[in-house]
Amino acid sequence: MGYDLHITRRENWFDEEGPLITAAEFEAAVDHDPDLALVPVPNGWLGDREPVAQLAADAVLLQEAGLHWCAGRISSKTQ
């Protein structure tokens, strides 16, 4: 069984309005954490979740773990 993790400044993670976590704040947090690395968004990406940070070990990205910034919120899902 998996779970969802939501990081937000809003009262409830599902609220449409409220304080945002900006993309710049997310990217700065990733830049300051040696265990995280930003994953470049592919050219032509039409998805709604960007940017994406992955946990990194020895400079190899672990694809099964990630933090996704979208619409002022950060989320992660495990399986």
N, C-alpha and C. Protein backbone atom coordinates (compact mmCIF):
# COMPACT_ATOMS: atom_id res chain seq x y z
N MET A 1 0.84 -1.16 0.00
CA MET A 1 0.00 0.00 0.00
C MET A 1 0.90 1.23 0.00
N GLY A 2 0.52 2.26 -0.74
CA GLY A 2 1.28 3.49 -0.82
C GLY A 2 0.60 4.62 -0.07
N TYR A 3 1.21 5.77 -0.14
CA TYR A 3 0.62 6.94 0.49
C TYR A 3 1.00 8.19 -0.29
N ASP A 4 0.25 9.26 -0.07
CA ASP A 4 0.51 10.56 -0.68
C ASP A 4 0.98 11.52 0.40
N LEU A 5 1.97 12.34 0.06
CA LEU A 5 2.47 13.37 0.94
C LEU A 5 2.23 14.71 0.28
N HIS A 6 1.67 15.67 1.02
CA HIS A 6 1.39 17.00 0.48
C HIS A 6 2.05 18.03 1.38
N ILE A 7 2.83 18.93 0.77
CA ILE A 7 3.45 20.05 1.48
C ILE A 7 2.81 21.31 0.93
N THR A 8 2.20 22.10 1.80
CA THR A 8 1.46 23.26 1.35
C THR A 8 1.42 24.32 2.45
N ARG A 9 1.12 25.54 2.05
CA ARG A 9 0.89 26.61 3.02
C ARG A 9 -0.61 26.83 3.22
N ARG A 10 -1.42 26.13 2.48
CA ARG A 10 -2.87 26.29 2.56
C ARG A 10 -3.41 25.51 3.76
N GLU A 11 -4.57 25.89 4.22
CA GLU A 11 -5.14 25.21 5.38
C GLU A 11 -5.35 23.72 5.11
N ASN A 12 -5.87 23.39 3.93
CA ASN A 12 -6.03 22.00 3.50
C ASN A 12 -5.30 21.83 2.18
N TRP A 13 -4.64 20.71 1.97
CA TRP A 13 -3.84 20.51 0.76
C TRP A 13 -4.67 20.61 -0.51
N PHE A 14 -5.94 20.30 -0.44
CA PHE A 14 -6.80 20.29 -1.62
C PHE A 14 -7.45 21.64 -1.91
N ASP A 15 -7.23 22.65 -1.05
CA ASP A 15 -7.81 23.97 -1.28
C ASP A 15 -7.28 24.58 -2.58
N GLU A 16 -8.14 25.20 -3.33
CA GLU A 16 -7.76 25.83 -4.58
C GLU A 16 -7.13 27.21 -4.38
N GLU A 17 -7.44 27.86 -3.27
CA GLU A 17 -6.92 29.19 -3.01
C GLU A 17 -6.18 29.22 -1.69
N GLY A 18 -5.24 30.17 -1.59
CA GLY A 18 -4.47 30.32 -0.36
C GLY A 18 -3.02 30.58 -0.68
N PRO A 19 -2.18 30.68 0.34
CA PRO A 19 -0.77 30.96 0.13
C PRO A 19 -0.09 29.87 -0.72
N LEU A 20 0.85 30.29 -1.54
CA LEU A 20 1.54 29.38 -2.46
C LEU A 20 2.99 29.15 -2.05
N ILE A 21 3.52 28.02 -2.44
CA ILE A 21 4.96 27.79 -2.45
C ILE A 21 5.37 28.05 -3.90
N THR A 22 6.22 29.04 -4.11
CA THR A 22 6.58 29.38 -5.49
C THR A 22 7.57 28.37 -6.06
N ALA A 23 7.63 28.32 -7.38
CA ALA A 23 8.60 27.44 -8.04
C ALA A 23 10.01 27.83 -7.63
N ALA A 24 10.28 29.13 -7.49
CA ALA A 24 11.61 29.59 -7.09
C ALA A 24 11.96 29.10 -5.68
N GLU A 25 10.99 29.11 -4.76
CA GLU A 25 11.23 28.60 -3.40
C GLU A 25 11.51 27.09 -3.43
N PHE A 26 10.75 26.37 -4.24
CA PHE A 26 10.95 24.93 -4.37
C PHE A 26 12.35 24.64 -4.92
N GLU A 27 12.71 25.34 -6.00
CA GLU A 27 14.02 25.12 -6.61
C GLU A 27 15.15 25.49 -5.66
N ALA A 28 14.99 26.57 -4.87
CA ALA A 28 16.01 26.97 -3.89
C ALA A 28 16.18 25.90 -2.81
N ALA A 29 15.07 25.33 -2.35
CA ALA A 29 15.15 24.27 -1.33
C ALA A 29 15.87 23.05 -1.88
N VAL A 30 15.58 22.69 -3.12
CA VAL A 30 16.26 21.56 -3.75
C VAL A 30 17.75 21.86 -3.90
N ASP A 31 18.09 23.08 -4.32
CA ASP A 31 19.49 23.46 -4.49
C ASP A 31 20.28 23.37 -3.18
N HIS A 32 19.62 23.59 -2.04
CA HIS A 32 20.29 23.58 -0.76
C HIS A 32 20.33 22.20 -0.09
N ASP A 33 19.72 21.21 -0.71
CA ASP A 33 19.70 19.86 -0.14
C ASP A 33 20.53 18.93 -1.02
N PRO A 34 21.66 18.44 -0.52
CA PRO A 34 22.52 17.58 -1.35
C PRO A 34 21.89 16.24 -1.73
N ASP A 35 20.80 15.86 -1.05
CA ASP A 35 20.14 14.59 -1.37
C ASP A 35 19.08 14.73 -2.46
N LEU A 36 18.87 15.94 -2.96
CA LEU A 36 17.88 16.18 -4.01
C LEU A 36 18.54 16.74 -5.25
N ALA A 37 17.95 16.46 -6.39
CA ALA A 37 18.41 17.00 -7.67
C ALA A 37 17.21 17.31 -8.53
N LEU A 38 17.22 18.48 -9.19
CA LEU A 38 16.12 18.81 -10.10
C LEU A 38 16.24 17.97 -11.36
N VAL A 39 15.13 17.52 -11.84
CA VAL A 39 15.08 16.74 -13.08
C VAL A 39 14.60 17.68 -14.18
N PRO A 40 15.36 17.82 -15.25
CA PRO A 40 14.92 18.72 -16.33
C PRO A 40 13.60 18.24 -16.94
N VAL A 41 12.75 19.20 -17.24
CA VAL A 41 11.48 18.88 -17.90
C VAL A 41 11.79 18.66 -19.38
N PRO A 42 11.35 17.55 -19.96
CA PRO A 42 11.65 17.27 -21.36
C PRO A 42 11.03 18.31 -22.30
N ASN A 43 11.69 18.56 -23.41
CA ASN A 43 11.13 19.46 -24.43
C ASN A 43 9.78 18.93 -24.87
N GLY A 44 8.83 19.82 -25.01
CA GLY A 44 7.50 19.42 -25.44
C GLY A 44 6.63 18.88 -24.34
N TRP A 45 7.08 18.96 -23.09
CA TRP A 45 6.32 18.44 -21.95
C TRP A 45 4.97 19.14 -21.87
N LEU A 46 3.90 18.38 -21.79
CA LEU A 46 2.56 18.93 -21.70
C LEU A 46 1.91 18.61 -20.36
N GLY A 47 2.67 18.00 -19.46
CA GLY A 47 2.13 17.63 -18.16
C GLY A 47 1.92 18.85 -17.28
N ASP A 48 1.25 18.64 -16.16
CA ASP A 48 0.93 19.74 -15.27
C ASP A 48 1.82 19.77 -14.04
N ARG A 49 2.79 18.90 -13.94
CA ARG A 49 3.64 18.86 -12.76
C ARG A 49 5.08 19.20 -13.14
N GLU A 50 5.50 20.40 -12.81
CA GLU A 50 6.88 20.79 -13.02
C GLU A 50 7.20 21.91 -12.06
N PRO A 51 8.41 22.15 -11.63
CA PRO A 51 9.54 21.23 -11.81
C PRO A 51 9.44 20.01 -10.89
N VAL A 52 10.31 19.05 -11.14
CA VAL A 52 10.32 17.81 -10.37
C VAL A 52 11.70 17.66 -9.75
N ALA A 53 11.75 17.24 -8.49
CA ALA A 53 13.01 16.93 -7.82
C ALA A 53 13.01 15.45 -7.48
N GLN A 54 14.15 14.81 -7.67
CA GLN A 54 14.29 13.40 -7.34
C GLN A 54 15.33 13.26 -6.25
N LEU A 55 15.16 12.24 -5.41
CA LEU A 55 16.21 11.90 -4.46
C LEU A 55 17.39 11.35 -5.25
N ALA A 56 18.60 11.76 -4.89
CA ALA A 56 19.78 11.34 -5.62
C ALA A 56 20.73 10.61 -4.67
N ALA A 57 21.35 9.56 -5.16
CA ALA A 57 22.36 8.83 -4.39
C ALA A 57 23.56 8.63 -5.30
N ASP A 58 24.69 9.15 -4.88
CA ASP A 58 25.90 9.05 -5.69
C ASP A 58 25.68 9.57 -7.11
N ALA A 59 24.97 10.69 -7.20
CA ALA A 59 24.70 11.36 -8.47
C ALA A 59 23.84 10.54 -9.43
N VAL A 60 23.26 9.45 -8.96
CA VAL A 60 22.34 8.65 -9.77
C VAL A 60 20.93 8.93 -9.27
N LEU A 61 20.08 9.37 -10.15
CA LEU A 61 18.72 9.68 -9.73
C LEU A 61 17.92 8.41 -9.49
N LEU A 62 17.23 8.38 -8.38
CA LEU A 62 16.38 7.25 -8.05
C LEU A 62 14.97 7.56 -8.53
N GLN A 63 14.57 6.97 -9.61
CA GLN A 63 13.33 7.32 -10.27
C GLN A 63 12.08 7.01 -9.47
N GLU A 64 12.17 6.13 -8.48
CA GLU A 64 10.96 5.77 -7.75
C GLU A 64 10.56 6.80 -6.70
N ALA A 65 11.39 7.79 -6.42
CA ALA A 65 11.07 8.80 -5.41
C ALA A 65 11.11 10.17 -6.05
N GLY A 66 10.17 11.00 -5.72
CA GLY A 66 10.20 12.34 -6.27
C GLY A 66 9.30 13.29 -5.54
N LEU A 67 9.64 14.56 -5.62
CA LEU A 67 8.80 15.64 -5.10
C LEU A 67 8.33 16.43 -6.31
N HIS A 68 7.06 16.64 -6.43
CA HIS A 68 6.49 17.31 -7.58
C HIS A 68 5.88 18.64 -7.14
N TRP A 69 6.35 19.73 -7.75
CA TRP A 69 5.77 21.04 -7.48
C TRP A 69 4.74 21.32 -8.55
N CYS A 70 3.56 21.75 -8.15
CA CYS A 70 2.51 22.11 -9.10
C CYS A 70 1.52 23.03 -8.40
N ALA A 71 1.21 24.13 -9.03
CA ALA A 71 0.17 25.05 -8.55
C ALA A 71 0.37 25.49 -7.10
N GLY A 72 1.64 25.71 -6.73
CA GLY A 72 1.92 26.22 -5.41
C GLY A 72 1.97 25.19 -4.31
N ARG A 73 1.93 23.90 -4.69
CA ARG A 73 1.97 22.81 -3.72
C ARG A 73 3.06 21.82 -4.11
N ILE A 74 3.54 21.08 -3.14
CA ILE A 74 4.53 20.01 -3.40
C ILE A 74 3.88 18.70 -2.97
N SER A 75 4.04 17.68 -3.81
CA SER A 75 3.47 16.38 -3.46
C SER A 75 4.45 15.26 -3.81
N SER A 76 4.24 14.13 -3.19
CA SER A 76 5.02 12.94 -3.47
C SER A 76 4.11 11.74 -3.28
N LYS A 77 4.36 10.70 -4.03
CA LYS A 77 3.52 9.50 -3.93
C LYS A 77 4.44 8.29 -3.89
N THR A 78 4.15 7.37 -2.99
CA THR A 78 4.89 6.11 -2.93
C THR A 78 3.95 4.98 -3.32
N GLN A 79 4.55 3.88 -3.69
CA GLN A 79 3.75 2.73 -4.08
C GLN A 79 3.95 1.59 -3.14
